Amino acid sequence: MWNYTEKTLDHFRNPRNVGKIDNPDGVGTVGSLACGDSLTLAFKLGADGRIEDVKFQTFGCASAIASSSALTELVKGKTLEEAEKITNKDIADYLGGLPAQKMHCSVMGREALEAAIRNYRTGETVVRDLKEEKIVCKCFNVSEEEIERVATENNLTTLREVMFYCKAGGACGKCRGEIQAILDRIAKERGGAAQ
């Protein structure tokens, strides 16, 4: 059994802002049913340019539901510029923390918000074109850029942490050496050593 905070359990049992928005200004879908988690986030701006309404639909575990619910509470009333500064750590902190093995759910929330804002600004329906990125983990479709970003933003130093935050390396394991090389490079750039 995972050790969830009361706030996480509350957002799981009583999720806020579940559903769809008619004619949303921005919508983003991330994750994949193939890997077990999927999240769609949509928002509507008010006349003042602030997020007036936000809804989500997710397929995932208790952490995915709670993280999505928390994210909607965090972005409501914010401008897009304020909302895009929200990190996965902010989502986890809002819930009083998440088990390390479930941090990927907060990362998925941040990515859905990023995708929805990009959709609003550009009309594009995906955040990244993975054809232009080097895929490191083929099991979970995780690119080198995503591993670098998650590791850097969250000060990750171990392969295990990377698995917890973005699932990379968590299935067949063929990519673990490459993930370790990425961590080693980041540690060298920071002036330290990866574990």
Protein backbone atom coordinates (compact mmCIF):
# COMPACT_ATOMS: atom_id res chain seq x y z
CA MET A 1 0.00 0.00 0.00
CA TRP A 2 1.30 3.44 -0.90
CA ASN A 3 1.78 5.97 1.86
CA TYR A 4 -0.45 8.84 0.69
CA THR A 5 -1.10 12.08 2.56
CA GLU A 6 -4.65 12.88 3.64
CA LYS A 7 -4.76 15.66 1.05
CA THR A 8 -3.75 13.24 -1.71
CA LEU A 9 -6.42 10.78 -0.60
CA ASP A 10 -9.00 13.58 -0.53
CA HIS A 11 -8.14 14.64 -4.10
CA PHE A 12 -8.32 10.99 -5.17
CA ARG A 13 -11.66 10.28 -3.48
CA ASN A 14 -13.16 13.71 -4.26
CA PRO A 15 -11.40 14.93 -7.38
CA ARG A 16 -12.02 18.54 -8.32
CA ASN A 17 -12.80 19.73 -11.84
CA VAL A 18 -13.34 16.37 -13.56
CA GLY A 19 -14.96 16.44 -17.00
CA LYS A 20 -14.89 18.24 -20.31
CA ILE A 21 -15.16 21.88 -21.31
CA ASP A 22 -17.25 22.83 -24.31
CA ASN A 23 -15.11 24.81 -26.77
CA PRO A 24 -11.98 24.99 -24.62
CA ASP A 25 -9.35 27.61 -25.35
CA GLY A 26 -6.58 25.05 -24.79
CA VAL A 27 -6.48 21.28 -24.51
CA GLY A 28 -3.56 18.92 -24.00
CA THR A 29 -3.36 15.14 -23.85
CA VAL A 30 -0.29 13.32 -22.58
CA GLY A 31 0.61 9.81 -21.59
CA SER A 32 -0.58 6.65 -23.20
CA LEU A 33 -3.00 3.90 -22.31
CA ALA A 34 -0.30 1.53 -23.48
CA CYS A 35 1.90 2.54 -20.53
CA GLY A 36 -1.00 2.79 -18.09
CA ASP A 37 -1.53 6.54 -17.67
CA SER A 38 -3.27 9.13 -19.81
CA LEU A 39 -4.36 12.67 -18.98
CA THR A 40 -6.35 15.27 -20.90
CA LEU A 41 -6.45 18.79 -19.48
CA ALA A 42 -8.59 21.59 -20.93
CA PHE A 43 -9.03 25.21 -19.90
CA LYS A 44 -11.18 28.22 -20.71
CA LEU A 45 -9.94 31.79 -20.27
CA GLY A 46 -12.07 34.53 -18.82
CA ALA A 47 -12.37 38.05 -20.21
CA ASP A 48 -9.47 39.07 -17.94
CA GLY A 49 -7.15 36.53 -19.57
CA ARG A 50 -7.05 34.30 -16.49
CA ILE A 51 -7.94 30.61 -16.42
CA GLU A 52 -11.62 30.74 -15.55
CA ASP A 53 -12.42 27.04 -15.90
CA VAL A 54 -10.23 23.95 -16.08
CA LYS A 55 -11.19 20.30 -16.31
CA PHE A 56 -9.38 17.01 -16.59
CA GLN A 57 -9.99 13.43 -17.57
CA THR A 58 -7.46 10.79 -16.64
CA PHE A 59 -6.91 7.10 -16.81
CA GLY A 60 -4.50 6.14 -14.10
CA CYS A 61 -3.88 5.38 -10.47
CA ALA A 62 -4.81 7.30 -7.33
CA SER A 63 -1.72 9.49 -7.73
CA ALA A 64 -2.67 10.38 -11.31
CA ILE A 65 -6.18 11.38 -10.26
CA ALA A 66 -4.99 13.34 -7.22
CA SER A 67 -2.19 15.08 -9.16
CA SER A 68 -4.60 16.08 -11.94
CA SER A 69 -7.14 17.38 -9.43
CA ALA A 70 -4.44 19.34 -7.58
CA LEU A 71 -3.16 20.84 -10.82
CA THR A 72 -6.60 22.18 -11.70
CA GLU A 73 -6.81 23.86 -8.30
CA LEU A 74 -3.34 25.36 -8.73
CA VAL A 75 -4.03 26.91 -12.16
CA LYS A 76 -7.52 28.29 -11.60
CA GLY A 77 -7.47 32.08 -11.63
CA LYS A 78 -3.93 32.30 -12.98
CA THR A 79 -2.73 33.87 -16.21
CA LEU A 80 -1.10 31.51 -18.69
CA GLU A 81 2.29 33.00 -17.83
CA GLU A 82 1.71 32.26 -14.13
CA ALA A 83 0.33 28.79 -14.84
CA GLU A 84 3.26 27.72 -17.01
CA LYS A 85 5.63 28.35 -14.09
CA ILE A 86 3.97 25.53 -12.12
CA THR A 87 6.30 22.55 -11.84
CA ASN A 88 5.67 18.92 -11.04
CA LYS A 89 7.26 19.64 -7.64
CA ASP A 90 4.60 22.31 -7.01
CA ILE A 91 1.89 19.72 -7.71
CA ALA A 92 3.47 17.16 -5.38
CA ASP A 93 4.06 19.80 -2.69
CA TYR A 94 0.43 20.96 -2.93
CA LEU A 95 -0.60 17.39 -2.08
CA GLY A 96 1.83 17.21 0.82
CA GLY A 97 4.12 14.94 -1.18
CA LEU A 98 3.79 11.82 -3.28
CA PRO A 99 5.51 8.46 -2.92
CA ALA A 100 8.76 8.54 -4.93
CA GLN A 101 7.45 5.77 -7.20
CA LYS A 102 4.46 7.95 -8.13
CA MET A 103 6.22 11.20 -9.01
CA HIS A 104 5.68 10.48 -12.71
CA CYS A 105 2.02 11.41 -12.14
CA SER A 106 2.97 14.98 -11.19
CA VAL A 107 5.30 15.14 -14.21
CA MET A 108 2.41 14.02 -16.43
CA GLY A 109 0.27 16.85 -15.01
CA ARG A 110 2.88 19.48 -15.79
CA GLU A 111 3.26 18.08 -19.31
CA ALA A 112 -0.52 18.19 -19.88
CA LEU A 113 -0.64 21.83 -18.79
CA GLU A 114 2.29 22.62 -21.09
CA ALA A 115 0.50 20.87 -23.98
CA ALA A 116 -2.76 22.75 -23.32
CA ILE A 117 -1.02 26.13 -23.23
CA ARG A 118 0.88 25.31 -26.41
CA ASN A 119 -2.41 24.26 -28.04
CA TYR A 120 -3.91 27.64 -27.13
CA ARG A 121 -0.93 29.59 -28.46
CA THR A 122 -0.19 27.64 -31.63
CA GLY A 123 -3.13 25.39 -32.40
CA GLU A 124 -0.78 22.40 -32.19
CA THR A 125 -2.16 19.37 -30.40
CA VAL A 126 1.15 17.89 -29.22
CA VAL A 127 3.91 19.41 -27.10
CA ARG A 128 6.75 17.71 -28.91
CA ASP A 129 7.26 15.92 -32.15
CA LEU A 130 9.03 12.80 -30.92
CA LYS A 131 10.21 12.14 -34.47
CA GLU A 132 12.63 15.02 -33.96
CA GLU A 133 13.87 13.72 -30.60
CA LYS A 134 16.03 10.77 -29.73
CA ILE A 135 13.89 8.14 -28.00
CA VAL A 136 15.87 6.49 -25.21
CA CYS A 137 13.17 4.37 -23.57
CA LYS A 138 11.14 2.70 -26.30
CA CYS A 139 8.85 0.91 -23.81
CA PHE A 140 7.47 4.22 -22.49
CA ASN A 141 8.39 6.47 -25.44
CA VAL A 142 10.63 8.73 -23.34
CA SER A 143 13.11 10.95 -25.16
CA GLU A 144 16.60 12.01 -24.14
CA GLU A 145 15.33 15.59 -23.82
CA GLU A 146 12.57 14.57 -21.42
CA ILE A 147 14.97 12.58 -19.25
CA GLU A 148 17.37 15.54 -19.16
CA ARG A 149 14.60 17.98 -18.27
CA VAL A 150 13.06 15.82 -15.54
CA ALA A 151 16.48 14.99 -14.07
CA THR A 152 17.61 18.61 -14.11
CA GLU A 153 14.38 20.18 -12.81
CA ASN A 154 14.10 17.67 -9.96
CA ASN A 155 17.82 17.24 -9.16
CA LEU A 156 17.65 13.52 -9.90
CA THR A 157 20.91 11.62 -9.58
CA THR A 158 19.98 7.93 -9.80
CA LEU A 159 18.48 5.63 -12.38
CA ARG A 160 15.83 4.64 -9.84
CA GLU A 161 14.72 8.26 -9.44
CA VAL A 162 14.44 8.67 -13.22
CA MET A 163 12.21 5.57 -13.34
CA PHE A 164 9.99 7.03 -10.63
CA TYR A 165 9.69 10.42 -12.33
CA CYS A 166 9.16 9.47 -15.99
CA LYS A 167 9.11 5.64 -16.10
CA ALA A 168 12.15 5.53 -18.40
CA GLY A 169 14.07 2.33 -17.78
CA GLY A 170 11.23 0.79 -15.80
CA ALA A 171 10.26 -2.01 -18.18
CA CYS A 172 12.67 -4.07 -20.31
CA GLY A 173 15.75 -2.27 -18.97
CA LYS A 174 17.64 -2.08 -22.29
CA CYS A 175 17.93 1.70 -22.01
CA ARG A 176 19.31 1.86 -18.46
CA GLY A 177 22.92 2.26 -19.60
CA GLU A 178 21.97 5.19 -21.80
CA ILE A 179 19.95 6.79 -18.99
CA GLN A 180 22.93 6.41 -16.66
CA ALA A 181 25.14 8.10 -19.27
CA ILE A 182 22.70 11.04 -19.36
CA LEU A 183 22.81 11.28 -15.56
CA ASP A 184 26.61 11.11 -15.60
CA ARG A 185 26.76 13.93 -18.16
CA ILE A 186 24.38 16.10 -16.08
CA ALA A 187 26.41 15.41 -12.93
CA LYS A 188 29.63 16.33 -14.74
CA GLU A 189 28.05 19.60 -15.91
CA ARG A 190 27.01 20.30 -12.31
CA GLY A 191 30.49 19.43 -11.08
CA GLY A 192 29.44 16.30 -9.18
CA ALA A 193 29.09 12.61 -9.77
CA ALA A 194 25.94 10.62 -10.51
CA GLN A 195 25.16 7.67 -8.28
